[in-house]
Amino acid sequence: MTTTSGAGPSGTSFGLRMIDHVGISVSDLDRSVAFYQALTGVAPAVRNETIEGPGFARGAGLPTTKLRYATFQLENLNIDVIEFQEPRGEPVPATANRPGSIHLCFEVENLADVHARMRRAGIEFLGEPYRFSDEEVSAKDSVGTEVAYFNDPDGNNLELIAPRGGFVRRG
């Protein structure tokens, strides 16, 4: 693993301001496609695509590679779900407090409604939805924001958020 002490030489910015996609490693592409399609209501733009070969493997820091993936194109972000067939990876505990883990957050207008529909569909949440209070956050513009956390079938961390004041469309 490569480790750096900062983004670059003192005062340097690389100007990375746009996100194209997030890649999520999964153990079973078909199961994950069904999950993310149900979650987003979007069919994958590509499905069961493959990548393999020594060039990609070297670029990814792997001895060899063969993978299948699907891409979901949302309004503001693409989600790639990727099943590495060679080499197969070992699952890791993806708890929120584990350095190296990330979470993907979906913005919703009405958290209570979406949460209830997801629970009826069998999605288990890590806890009950809650609203940030004045006592627990230092960023006072976050007070009133509602959140709920859950995992995908491989344990990847996911979140629902309803910002204070309702739905906020960025950019």
Protein backbone atom coordinates (compact mmCIF):
# COMPACT_ATOMS: atom_id res chain seq x y z
CA MET A 1 0.00 0.00 0.00
CA THR A 2 1.27 3.45 -0.85
CA THR A 3 1.23 5.95 1.97
CA THR A 4 1.60 9.70 1.63
CA SER A 5 1.88 12.36 4.26
CA GLY A 6 -0.22 14.86 2.28
CA ALA A 7 -1.67 15.71 -1.08
CA GLY A 8 1.58 17.07 -2.43
CA PRO A 9 4.33 19.57 -1.77
CA SER A 10 3.30 22.28 0.66
CA GLY A 11 0.65 24.47 -0.90
CA THR A 12 0.05 22.18 -3.87
CA SER A 13 -3.48 21.32 -4.95
CA PHE A 14 -4.25 18.78 -7.62
CA GLY A 15 -7.67 20.32 -8.36
CA LEU A 16 -9.71 17.11 -8.28
CA ARG A 17 -13.22 18.57 -8.12
CA MET A 18 -15.47 16.16 -10.01
CA ILE A 19 -16.45 12.61 -9.15
CA ASP A 20 -17.10 10.20 -12.03
CA HIS A 21 -17.94 7.03 -10.16
CA VAL A 22 -17.53 4.98 -7.04
CA GLY A 23 -16.46 1.35 -7.32
CA ILE A 24 -17.81 -1.17 -4.83
CA SER A 25 -16.18 -4.58 -4.57
CA VAL A 26 -18.76 -7.36 -4.24
CA SER A 27 -18.65 -11.14 -3.95
CA ASP A 28 -21.59 -11.92 -6.27
CA LEU A 29 -22.26 -9.54 -9.15
CA ASP A 30 -25.74 -10.85 -9.93
CA ARG A 31 -26.91 -10.54 -6.31
CA SER A 32 -25.48 -7.02 -6.07
CA VAL A 33 -27.03 -5.93 -9.37
CA ALA A 34 -30.44 -7.01 -8.06
CA PHE A 35 -29.84 -5.15 -4.77
CA TYR A 36 -28.62 -1.87 -6.30
CA GLN A 37 -31.28 -1.96 -9.02
CA ALA A 38 -33.98 -2.29 -6.33
CA LEU A 39 -32.30 0.43 -4.25
CA THR A 40 -31.97 2.99 -7.04
CA GLY A 41 -34.83 2.02 -9.37
CA VAL A 42 -32.30 2.20 -12.22
CA ALA A 43 -31.32 -0.67 -14.50
CA PRO A 44 -27.57 -1.00 -15.02
CA ALA A 45 -26.26 0.91 -18.04
CA VAL A 46 -23.76 -1.90 -18.53
CA ARG A 47 -23.98 -5.35 -17.01
CA ASN A 48 -21.69 -8.35 -16.95
CA GLU A 49 -18.85 -6.44 -18.60
CA THR A 50 -15.38 -7.93 -18.11
CA ILE A 51 -11.86 -6.65 -17.69
CA GLU A 52 -8.81 -8.90 -17.57
CA GLY A 53 -5.18 -8.83 -18.52
CA PRO A 54 -1.70 -7.97 -17.31
CA GLY A 55 -1.87 -4.25 -18.08
CA PHE A 56 -4.94 -3.66 -15.94
CA ALA A 57 -3.53 -5.96 -13.24
CA ARG A 58 -0.30 -3.94 -13.06
CA GLY A 59 -2.25 -0.68 -12.93
CA ALA A 60 -4.39 -2.03 -10.09
CA GLY A 61 -1.37 -3.37 -8.20
CA LEU A 62 -2.43 -7.01 -8.58
CA PRO A 63 -0.48 -10.00 -9.93
CA THR A 64 -3.31 -10.87 -12.33
CA THR A 65 -6.89 -9.82 -12.73
CA LYS A 66 -10.20 -10.90 -14.14
CA LEU A 67 -13.38 -9.17 -13.12
CA ARG A 68 -17.03 -8.67 -14.00
CA TYR A 69 -18.84 -5.41 -13.36
CA ALA A 70 -22.03 -3.46 -13.85
CA THR A 71 -22.55 0.30 -13.83
CA PHE A 72 -25.54 2.21 -12.51
CA GLN A 73 -25.80 5.75 -13.85
CA LEU A 74 -27.49 8.01 -11.33
CA GLU A 75 -28.17 11.71 -11.84
CA ASN A 76 -24.94 12.81 -10.17
CA LEU A 77 -22.76 9.70 -9.81
CA ASN A 78 -22.09 6.35 -11.43
CA ILE A 79 -21.88 3.29 -9.20
CA ASP A 80 -19.74 0.38 -10.41
CA VAL A 81 -20.31 -2.94 -8.66
CA ILE A 82 -17.30 -5.14 -9.30
CA GLU A 83 -16.80 -8.86 -8.74
CA PHE A 84 -13.13 -9.81 -8.84
CA GLN A 85 -12.96 -13.38 -10.11
CA GLU A 86 -9.13 -13.49 -10.16
CA PRO A 87 -7.73 -12.95 -7.67
CA ARG A 88 -10.73 -13.35 -5.37
CA GLY A 89 -10.53 -11.07 -2.39
CA GLU A 90 -11.32 -11.87 1.21
CA PRO A 91 -14.25 -10.03 2.79
CA VAL A 92 -13.32 -7.39 5.34
CA PRO A 93 -15.43 -6.09 8.18
CA ALA A 94 -16.68 -2.76 6.85
CA THR A 95 -17.78 -1.15 10.08
CA ALA A 96 -18.04 2.62 9.98
CA ASN A 97 -15.18 3.15 12.46
CA ARG A 98 -12.68 1.01 10.54
CA PRO A 99 -9.98 3.10 8.80
CA GLY A 100 -10.08 2.37 5.09
CA SER A 101 -13.82 1.80 4.99
CA ILE A 102 -16.09 4.28 3.25
CA HIS A 103 -19.80 4.79 2.99
CA LEU A 104 -22.04 5.75 0.12
CA CYS A 105 -24.85 8.12 1.02
CA PHE A 106 -28.16 8.46 -0.86
CA GLU A 107 -30.05 11.74 -0.44
CA VAL A 108 -33.81 11.38 -0.04
CA GLU A 109 -36.68 13.81 0.40
CA ASN A 110 -38.57 11.89 3.08
CA LEU A 111 -36.38 9.59 5.15
CA ALA A 112 -39.25 8.10 7.16
CA ASP A 113 -41.09 7.06 4.00
CA VAL A 114 -38.04 5.58 2.26
CA HIS A 115 -36.92 3.83 5.45
CA ALA A 116 -40.36 2.25 5.93
CA ARG A 117 -40.52 1.05 2.31
CA MET A 118 -37.03 -0.42 2.52
CA ARG A 119 -37.83 -2.24 5.79
CA ARG A 120 -40.99 -3.69 4.26
CA ALA A 121 -38.80 -4.96 1.39
CA GLY A 122 -36.56 -6.76 3.91
CA ILE A 123 -33.63 -4.37 4.18
CA GLU A 124 -32.24 -4.34 7.70
CA PHE A 125 -30.90 -1.12 9.15
CA LEU A 126 -28.03 -0.86 11.63
CA GLY A 127 -30.17 1.25 13.96
CA GLU A 128 -33.23 3.44 13.90
CA PRO A 129 -33.21 6.67 11.87
CA TYR A 130 -32.28 9.70 13.86
CA ARG A 131 -32.10 13.48 13.58
CA PHE A 132 -28.93 15.37 14.53
CA SER A 133 -29.53 17.47 17.62
CA ASP A 134 -27.90 20.67 18.74
CA GLU A 135 -26.13 18.80 21.55
CA GLU A 136 -24.34 16.26 19.34
CA VAL A 137 -23.01 18.21 16.35
CA SER A 138 -20.65 21.14 16.20
CA ALA A 139 -21.75 22.11 12.67
CA LYS A 140 -24.99 23.86 13.58
CA ASP A 141 -26.24 23.82 9.97
CA SER A 142 -26.45 20.01 10.36
CA VAL A 143 -28.96 20.22 13.21
CA GLY A 144 -32.21 18.66 12.03
CA THR A 145 -30.59 16.48 9.35
CA GLU A 146 -32.00 12.95 9.40
CA VAL A 147 -29.88 9.85 8.70
CA ALA A 148 -30.19 6.06 8.67
CA TYR A 149 -27.46 3.48 8.05
CA PHE A 150 -27.57 0.03 6.44
CA ASN A 151 -25.34 -2.37 4.51
CA ASP A 152 -25.43 -3.95 1.07
CA PRO A 153 -25.27 -7.77 0.79
CA ASP A 154 -21.46 -7.69 1.19
CA GLY A 155 -21.48 -5.42 4.23
CA ASN A 156 -20.54 -2.21 2.41
CA ASN A 157 -21.68 0.82 4.40
CA LEU A 158 -24.65 2.75 2.99
CA GLU A 159 -26.56 5.73 4.33
CA LEU A 160 -29.79 7.59 3.70
CA ILE A 161 -29.83 11.33 4.42
CA ALA A 162 -32.59 13.90 4.43
CA PRO A 163 -30.87 17.25 4.93
CA ARG A 164 -32.40 19.82 7.22
CA GLY A 165 -34.93 21.76 5.26
CA GLY A 166 -35.58 18.92 2.85
CA PHE A 167 -34.09 17.75 -0.40
CA VAL A 168 -31.00 19.63 -1.54
CA ARG A 169 -29.95 19.21 -5.19
CA ARG A 170 -26.27 19.99 -5.68
CA GLY A 171 -24.68 21.41 -8.77
